[in-house]
Amino acid sequence: MTPVIAIILVLVLAAVLIGLGTAFGGPLLGLILAAVVIIGGLVWFFALAGSKTTTSEVVREAPDQEFFGPGGPDDPTS
């Protein structure tokens, strides 16, 4: 998933939550949800920016997958 698609999905989800909060919980709940989404997004962004680990490093450090055995349900060659 590209970062642009991820950002669009997060924004759409935030809009849906805020809209539902406003429709069913009143404007105050919508404002609270908007504040939570904005603050959570900023925390998430700065946590990722401060991790100093690139995506390629994460992929290189991933453990090798262990399979059940040849011909099993998780065997990619069968």
Protein backbone atom coordinates (compact mmCIF):
# COMPACT_ATOMS: atom_id res chain seq x y z
CA MET A 1 0.00 0.00 0.00
CA THR A 2 1.45 3.32 -0.98
CA PRO A 3 1.67 6.10 1.60
CA VAL A 4 -0.78 8.24 -0.37
CA ILE A 5 -3.45 5.54 -0.25
CA ALA A 6 -2.83 5.02 3.47
CA ILE A 7 -3.23 8.75 4.14
CA ILE A 8 -6.46 8.87 2.11
CA LEU A 9 -7.84 5.85 4.01
CA VAL A 10 -7.00 7.43 7.37
CA LEU A 11 -8.64 10.71 6.36
CA VAL A 12 -11.79 8.96 5.11
CA LEU A 13 -12.00 6.91 8.32
CA ALA A 14 -11.55 10.07 10.40
CA ALA A 15 -14.30 11.83 8.43
CA VAL A 16 -16.65 8.89 8.93
CA LEU A 17 -15.98 8.79 12.68
CA ILE A 18 -16.46 12.53 13.04
CA GLY A 19 -19.64 12.44 10.95
CA LEU A 20 -21.13 9.57 12.91
CA GLY A 21 -20.16 11.21 16.18
CA THR A 22 -21.86 14.42 15.12
CA ALA A 23 -24.96 12.65 13.82
CA PHE A 24 -25.55 10.31 16.73
CA GLY A 25 -23.76 11.90 19.66
CA GLY A 26 -24.24 15.59 19.06
CA PRO A 27 -21.72 18.21 17.98
CA LEU A 28 -19.69 17.93 21.17
CA LEU A 29 -18.90 14.27 20.55
CA GLY A 30 -17.95 15.11 16.96
CA LEU A 31 -15.52 17.75 18.19
CA ILE A 32 -14.04 15.36 20.75
CA LEU A 33 -13.59 12.68 18.08
CA ALA A 34 -12.01 15.21 15.72
CA ALA A 35 -9.54 16.27 18.42
CA VAL A 36 -8.69 12.63 19.23
CA VAL A 37 -8.14 11.81 15.55
CA ILE A 38 -5.94 14.87 14.97
CA ILE A 39 -3.84 14.34 18.10
CA GLY A 40 -3.56 10.60 17.43
CA GLY A 41 -2.46 11.28 13.86
CA LEU A 42 0.20 13.72 15.00
CA VAL A 43 1.49 11.29 17.63
CA TRP A 44 1.59 8.50 15.03
CA PHE A 45 3.39 10.72 12.51
CA PHE A 46 6.05 11.89 14.97
CA ALA A 47 6.54 8.36 16.33
CA LEU A 48 7.23 7.12 12.81
CA ALA A 49 9.45 10.09 12.01
CA GLY A 50 11.48 9.58 15.19
CA SER A 51 11.97 5.83 14.82
CA LYS A 52 15.07 6.26 12.58
CA THR A 53 14.32 2.90 10.94
CA THR A 54 13.65 2.82 7.23
CA THR A 55 11.18 0.43 5.70
CA SER A 56 13.96 -1.41 3.88
CA GLU A 57 15.73 -2.05 7.21
CA VAL A 58 12.54 -3.48 8.69
CA VAL A 59 12.16 -5.85 5.74
CA ARG A 60 15.80 -6.97 5.92
CA GLU A 61 15.54 -7.67 9.65
CA ALA A 62 12.30 -9.68 9.39
CA PRO A 63 12.69 -13.29 10.54
CA ASP A 64 12.49 -16.09 7.99
CA GLN A 65 9.13 -17.82 7.81
CA GLU A 66 8.96 -21.37 9.11
CA PHE A 67 6.76 -23.80 7.20
CA PHE A 68 4.92 -26.90 8.47
CA GLY A 69 6.65 -29.11 5.92
CA PRO A 70 6.68 -29.99 2.23
CA GLY A 71 3.21 -30.20 0.74
CA GLY A 72 1.59 -28.59 3.77
CA PRO A 73 -1.07 -25.90 3.68
CA ASP A 74 1.53 -23.15 3.87
CA ASP A 75 3.99 -24.55 1.30
CA PRO A 76 4.44 -21.89 -1.39
CA THR A 77 5.72 -24.43 -3.94
CA SER A 78 2.75 -26.83 -3.85
